[in-house]
Every structure is written in C-alpha cells, then in structure tokens.
Amino acid sequence: MRLTLRQRGLVPLLIAAAALAVHACRRAPDGPPAPPDPAEPAAVRVSYDSKLSGVLPLMLSRWTAAHPGALARGISDTAGAIAGRAHAGTDDADLIVLTAQTPLPEGDRAPISVRPWAHDPLVIFTPPGETRPLDEIIHDGGRLAMGVVAGPMGQYTRFGLRKIELWDAVKSHLIRHSDAASVMNAVRDGDAAVGVVYSSDLARDPDGLRRVGVLDSAESASREYVLVVLTPAGVPLARWIADPAQDDSLTSGGYLPLRPQSN
C-alpha cells in the first residue's frame, strides 16, 4: 500500500503526538505530592554515671512519655570519662550526672548550673528474722561483712563504725570482701550476722535481707550525685528530674534525694 505525499507528511506529526502523550502520562501524578515526613523532635542528651543505670533510664523514659516533643536520650559511662569529654568539648550532652567530687569544666565550657540531686548512703543490714540491736549483735561476737579497706566502700564503713563507736568492738571479727555482692552473700549464707553496703546495691538485690539503718558518715558523701547543666536544652529536664514528684524513682533504686540548701 502506497502512501500519498500528504499522508507521508502526517506520519512524523502523529509519531510526535504519540510521544508527547506517553511523556505526559508518565509525568502526570495520580494526586498532589506526598508531604515530607515530619522531622523527629530534637532529643535532650544526657550522659550519666553508670552507677545510676538502675534509675536514670527509667526517669528518662518517664520524661519522654510526659513530653513527646522533647525526647531524652541517655548514655552511661564512668564519671571520669564523662568529665574528660566535657573538659575537651567532645561530649555533646546537654546534661551530665556525676558524683559531687568529679571535677567540672571551667572557662568557656563551664556549666550553666550544678544542682545537688541524690545520695547513695551506706546501709546496715541483717538476715531476715534478726531483731537484736546492732551494738548487741556486735558485742555478742557477731561477725560483720564489709568492703576491703583499700576500696571506698570499706573505707567509709570503717569511718562510719568509728563515728558510732563500734569499730574497736568489731574490728577483730570482720569479713572483708572486694564487692557488694560478696558482702551480701556472706550475710545470706550465715557467715556474717551483719553487713554494710551502699543502699543502691542492697536495693538491686535484697533477696530477704533486712535493712536496719543508715551508717552515717560525712566521708560517704563520695556517693553524692549532682545534675550538671551544660546547655539551655538541659535546663527543663534537670528541673524535672530534681522535682520531688520524681523521688519515687530515686528511692526505688535505693537513693535518697538531696535538695539545694536555702540561705
């Protein structure tokens, strides 16, 4: 079949029209473009002493649940490592939680504020069923389990027993251990009638052990913790953590709240 000259001239036009139609179909969307995904709210960043791992993650999750637009993310480490990064300016935390004795950054990296927060005292405990007063147990020859004196727990136990004038009576029948778990096991197993560990240690693993008192010693302040605000973003979270409404989270982990002293 032969095409006429006129028909031959129409072929390129028809091909071009078809190509345009196909291109238009490809470009035409089914509807308006989808909106971009909403940006995730910026998180308040917290670096905290790993000894607080029993309470801080719970508190941060509670903060996030109560403040959906202000997430909180925590990273645990030793107090020394956190302070070192803060000194060097390599820690992007808005808030750090450290022992009160940890040196803090100075100069242009100095904190916005430092707030006393929590105390982890030494506590005295006995096996279940023991009802005698502590001094009676000691003077009857009951053995006391404690940390080795070379470590902070043992040192402060000795200071506290001296303060209540029981050290001389008990020092001849002590059992010394390198960690809190061994001290508690000594009392559970009947090797000792009394034990002394930090309150947070006993709260993590009480297993029937009976707390009978706090071993008061000024030197035990080495287990006091402070909230150190490094950026404005950390201010609301620090205030919330320090609010008395959050004290139940502290006490459930064995810690006691500290409040700034008023003048």
Protein backbone atom coordinates (compact mmCIF):
# COMPACT_ATOMS: atom_id res chain seq x y z
CA MET A 1 0.00 0.00 0.00
CA ARG A 2 1.45 3.30 -1.03
CA LEU A 3 1.01 6.50 0.98
CA THR A 4 0.26 9.71 -0.71
CA LEU A 5 2.56 12.64 -0.27
CA ARG A 6 0.06 14.22 2.11
CA GLN A 7 -0.16 11.06 4.19
CA ARG A 8 3.61 10.80 4.30
CA GLY A 9 3.80 14.29 5.76
CA LEU A 10 1.36 13.41 8.55
CA VAL A 11 3.37 10.42 9.83
CA PRO A 12 6.06 12.41 11.68
CA LEU A 13 3.36 14.55 13.30
CA LEU A 14 1.45 11.51 14.52
CA ILE A 15 4.62 9.97 15.95
CA ALA A 16 5.50 13.20 17.77
CA ALA A 17 1.96 13.49 19.20
CA ALA A 18 2.09 9.91 20.48
CA ALA A 19 5.44 10.52 22.14
CA LEU A 20 4.12 13.64 23.87
CA ALA A 21 1.09 11.74 25.14
CA VAL A 22 3.25 8.97 26.56
CA HIS A 23 5.55 11.51 28.24
CA ALA A 24 2.57 13.37 29.70
CA CYS A 25 1.16 10.15 31.10
CA ARG A 26 4.45 9.38 32.74
CA ARG A 27 4.73 12.81 34.31
CA ALA A 28 1.14 13.18 35.42
CA PRO A 29 0.91 12.23 39.10
CA ASP A 30 -2.07 10.43 40.48
CA GLY A 31 -2.54 13.24 43.02
CA PRO A 32 -0.69 16.01 44.85
CA PRO A 33 2.84 15.13 46.04
CA ALA A 34 3.04 13.49 49.48
CA PRO A 35 4.14 15.85 52.24
CA PRO A 36 7.66 15.25 53.61
CA ASP A 37 7.99 13.11 56.72
CA PRO A 38 7.86 15.26 59.86
CA ALA A 39 11.22 15.85 61.45
CA GLU A 40 11.84 13.91 64.66
CA PRO A 41 11.92 16.22 67.71
CA ALA A 42 15.41 17.05 68.89
CA ALA A 43 16.41 14.88 71.83
CA VAL A 44 17.81 16.20 75.12
CA ARG A 45 21.11 14.36 75.51
CA VAL A 46 22.16 13.05 78.91
CA SER A 47 25.48 11.46 79.92
CA TYR A 48 25.32 9.84 83.35
CA ASP A 49 27.47 7.84 85.75
CA SER A 50 26.97 4.14 85.03
CA LYS A 51 26.31 3.53 88.74
CA LEU A 52 22.97 5.27 88.14
CA SER A 53 21.86 2.78 85.49
CA GLY A 54 19.22 1.47 87.90
CA VAL A 55 17.30 4.76 87.99
CA LEU A 56 18.24 7.16 85.17
CA PRO A 57 16.89 5.12 82.21
CA LEU A 58 13.52 4.80 83.96
CA MET A 59 13.39 8.52 84.65
CA LEU A 60 14.31 9.42 81.07
CA SER A 61 11.61 7.12 79.70
CA ARG A 62 9.08 8.80 82.01
CA TRP A 63 10.21 12.23 80.81
CA THR A 64 9.80 11.20 77.17
CA ALA A 65 6.32 9.79 77.85
CA ALA A 66 5.28 13.05 79.51
CA HIS A 67 6.97 15.30 76.91
CA PRO A 68 6.51 13.80 73.41
CA GLY A 69 8.01 16.88 71.79
CA ALA A 70 11.20 16.73 73.88
CA LEU A 71 12.74 13.27 73.76
CA ALA A 72 15.56 12.35 76.13
CA ARG A 73 18.44 10.05 75.24
CA GLY A 74 20.92 8.82 77.82
CA ILE A 75 24.40 7.32 77.60
CA SER A 76 26.12 5.81 80.64
CA ASP A 77 29.86 5.82 81.31
CA THR A 78 32.28 6.32 84.18
CA ALA A 79 32.15 9.74 85.79
CA GLY A 80 35.80 10.35 84.87
CA ALA A 81 35.23 9.60 81.18
CA ILE A 82 32.19 11.87 81.01
CA ALA A 83 34.02 14.71 82.75
CA GLY A 84 37.02 14.25 80.44
CA ARG A 85 34.86 14.63 77.35
CA ALA A 86 33.16 17.69 78.84
CA HIS A 87 36.58 19.28 79.52
CA ALA A 88 37.67 18.55 75.94
CA GLY A 89 34.41 19.75 74.43
CA THR A 90 33.82 16.42 72.71
CA ASP A 91 30.68 15.43 74.63
CA ASP A 92 27.51 16.80 73.02
CA ALA A 93 25.43 16.21 76.16
CA ASP A 94 23.00 18.87 77.36
CA LEU A 95 23.02 17.43 80.89
CA ILE A 96 25.56 15.27 82.74
CA VAL A 97 25.02 13.45 86.05
CA LEU A 98 28.18 12.80 88.08
CA THR A 99 29.46 12.27 91.60
CA ALA A 100 29.80 15.52 93.51
CA GLN A 101 33.60 15.15 93.67
CA THR A 102 34.10 14.88 89.90
CA PRO A 103 35.98 17.94 88.54
CA LEU A 104 33.81 20.01 86.20
CA PRO A 105 34.73 22.03 83.09
CA GLU A 106 35.77 25.62 83.58
CA GLY A 107 36.09 28.75 81.48
CA ASP A 108 34.01 28.90 78.30
CA ARG A 109 32.86 25.31 78.90
CA ALA A 110 31.73 25.92 82.48
CA PRO A 111 28.26 24.55 83.31
CA ILE A 112 25.16 26.71 83.34
CA SER A 113 24.25 25.27 86.73
CA VAL A 114 25.14 22.49 89.17
CA ARG A 115 22.35 21.12 91.37
CA PRO A 116 22.68 18.61 94.26
CA TRP A 117 20.43 15.68 93.43
CA ALA A 118 20.88 12.28 95.09
CA HIS A 119 22.78 10.49 97.83
CA ASP A 120 23.66 6.79 97.99
CA PRO A 121 24.40 6.14 101.69
CA LEU A 122 25.97 3.11 103.29
CA VAL A 123 23.33 0.93 104.94
CA ILE A 124 23.47 -1.76 107.63
CA PHE A 125 21.53 -4.97 107.04
CA THR A 126 20.95 -8.33 108.70
CA PRO A 127 19.41 -11.66 107.71
CA PRO A 128 15.62 -11.93 107.93
CA GLY A 129 14.41 -12.66 111.44
CA GLU A 130 17.29 -10.90 113.21
CA THR A 131 15.78 -8.44 115.70
CA ARG A 132 18.68 -7.58 118.04
CA PRO A 133 20.09 -4.03 118.02
CA LEU A 134 23.31 -3.60 116.07
CA ASP A 135 25.51 -2.93 119.11
CA GLU A 136 24.17 -6.07 120.81
CA ILE A 137 24.96 -8.19 117.75
CA ILE A 138 28.48 -6.77 117.63
CA HIS A 139 29.21 -7.12 121.34
CA ASP A 140 27.88 -10.70 121.26
CA GLY A 141 30.64 -11.51 118.79
CA GLY A 142 28.59 -11.44 115.60
CA ARG A 143 30.75 -11.11 112.51
CA LEU A 144 30.37 -8.11 110.22
CA ALA A 145 30.85 -8.30 106.44
CA MET A 146 32.19 -5.16 104.74
CA GLY A 147 34.25 -4.00 101.79
CA VAL A 148 38.03 -4.14 101.82
CA VAL A 149 39.51 -1.03 103.41
CA ALA A 150 41.54 -0.34 100.26
CA GLY A 151 38.27 0.49 98.45
CA PRO A 152 35.86 3.39 99.07
CA MET A 153 33.06 1.19 100.47
CA GLY A 154 35.37 -0.34 103.07
CA GLN A 155 36.99 2.96 103.98
CA TYR A 156 33.67 4.69 104.59
CA THR A 157 32.33 1.69 106.50
CA ARG A 158 35.27 1.99 108.88
CA PHE A 159 34.73 5.76 109.24
CA GLY A 160 31.03 5.22 109.96
CA LEU A 161 31.64 2.49 112.55
CA ARG A 162 34.17 4.71 114.28
CA LYS A 163 31.65 7.52 114.35
CA ILE A 164 29.14 5.33 116.23
CA GLU A 165 31.96 3.90 118.40
CA LEU A 166 31.63 0.30 117.23
CA TRP A 167 34.87 -0.08 115.27
CA ASP A 168 37.01 -1.22 118.20
CA ALA A 169 34.37 -3.80 119.17
CA VAL A 170 34.02 -5.27 115.69
CA LYS A 171 37.47 -4.98 114.09
CA SER A 172 38.60 -8.38 115.45
CA HIS A 173 35.75 -10.28 113.76
CA LEU A 174 35.35 -8.76 110.33
CA ILE A 175 34.90 -10.44 106.95
CA ARG A 176 36.20 -8.27 104.14
CA HIS A 177 35.13 -8.62 100.52
CA SER A 178 36.05 -6.82 97.32
CA ASP A 179 32.47 -6.13 96.15
CA ALA A 180 28.96 -5.59 97.47
CA ALA A 181 27.57 -8.86 96.09
CA SER A 182 30.08 -10.87 98.14
CA VAL A 183 29.24 -8.88 101.28
CA MET A 184 25.53 -9.61 100.84
CA ASN A 185 26.15 -13.29 100.13
CA ALA A 186 28.18 -13.59 103.33
CA VAL A 187 25.13 -12.49 105.34
CA ARG A 188 22.73 -14.67 103.32
CA ASP A 189 24.95 -17.73 103.83
CA GLY A 190 25.26 -17.16 107.58
CA ASP A 191 28.98 -16.36 107.51
CA ALA A 192 28.24 -12.91 108.96
CA ALA A 193 25.47 -11.55 111.19
CA VAL A 194 25.64 -8.01 109.81
CA GLY A 195 26.68 -6.43 106.53
CA VAL A 196 27.34 -2.93 105.20
CA VAL A 197 26.96 -1.96 101.53
CA TYR A 198 25.72 1.03 99.58
CA SER A 199 21.96 1.46 99.60
CA SER A 200 21.71 1.11 95.82
CA ASP A 201 23.49 -2.27 95.98
CA LEU A 202 21.02 -3.59 98.54
CA ALA A 203 18.05 -2.23 96.55
CA ARG A 204 19.17 -4.12 93.42
CA ASP A 205 19.44 -7.49 95.19
CA PRO A 206 17.72 -7.53 98.61
CA ASP A 207 16.55 -11.18 98.47
CA GLY A 208 15.21 -11.20 102.01
CA LEU A 209 17.98 -9.14 103.61
CA ARG A 210 16.65 -6.67 106.17
CA ARG A 211 17.85 -3.09 106.13
CA VAL A 212 18.15 -1.85 109.71
CA GLY A 213 19.74 1.58 109.37
CA VAL A 214 21.98 4.07 107.60
CA LEU A 215 25.67 4.20 108.53
CA ASP A 216 26.07 7.94 108.84
CA SER A 217 29.49 9.24 107.85
CA ALA A 218 30.45 12.58 106.35
CA GLU A 219 33.05 10.83 104.18
CA SER A 220 30.34 8.74 102.48
CA ALA A 221 29.41 11.92 100.59
CA SER A 222 31.62 10.49 97.83
CA ARG A 223 28.43 8.83 96.60
CA GLU A 224 26.52 12.08 96.25
CA TYR A 225 25.40 12.97 92.73
CA VAL A 226 24.83 16.32 91.03
CA LEU A 227 22.92 17.42 87.94
CA VAL A 228 25.26 19.47 85.73
CA VAL A 229 23.50 21.52 83.03
CA LEU A 230 25.74 22.26 80.05
CA THR A 231 23.26 23.80 77.57
CA PRO A 232 19.89 25.61 77.78
CA ALA A 233 18.22 22.49 76.37
CA GLY A 234 19.15 20.62 79.55
CA VAL A 235 17.50 23.08 81.95
CA PRO A 236 13.87 21.79 81.80
CA LEU A 237 14.95 18.16 82.13
CA ALA A 238 17.22 18.89 85.11
CA ARG A 239 14.38 20.72 86.86
CA TRP A 240 12.01 17.82 86.18
CA ILE A 241 14.46 15.18 87.43
CA ALA A 242 15.07 17.17 90.63
CA ASP A 243 11.37 17.72 91.32
CA PRO A 244 10.08 15.93 94.44
CA ALA A 245 7.46 14.28 92.23
CA GLN A 246 10.26 12.07 90.85
CA ASP A 247 11.57 10.98 94.27
CA ASP A 248 9.85 7.60 93.98
CA SER A 249 12.17 6.71 91.11
CA LEU A 250 15.15 7.55 93.32
CA THR A 251 14.02 5.69 96.41
CA SER A 252 13.07 2.59 94.43
CA GLY A 253 16.74 2.40 93.42
CA GLY A 254 17.98 2.90 96.97
CA TYR A 255 18.91 6.59 96.59
CA LEU A 256 17.90 9.46 98.83
CA PRO A 257 17.06 12.90 97.37
CA LEU A 258 19.25 15.91 98.10
CA ARG A 259 17.87 19.43 97.99
CA PRO A 260 19.80 22.68 97.49
CA GLN A 261 20.31 24.34 100.85
CA SER A 262 18.45 27.59 101.22
CA ASN A 263 20.24 30.59 102.66
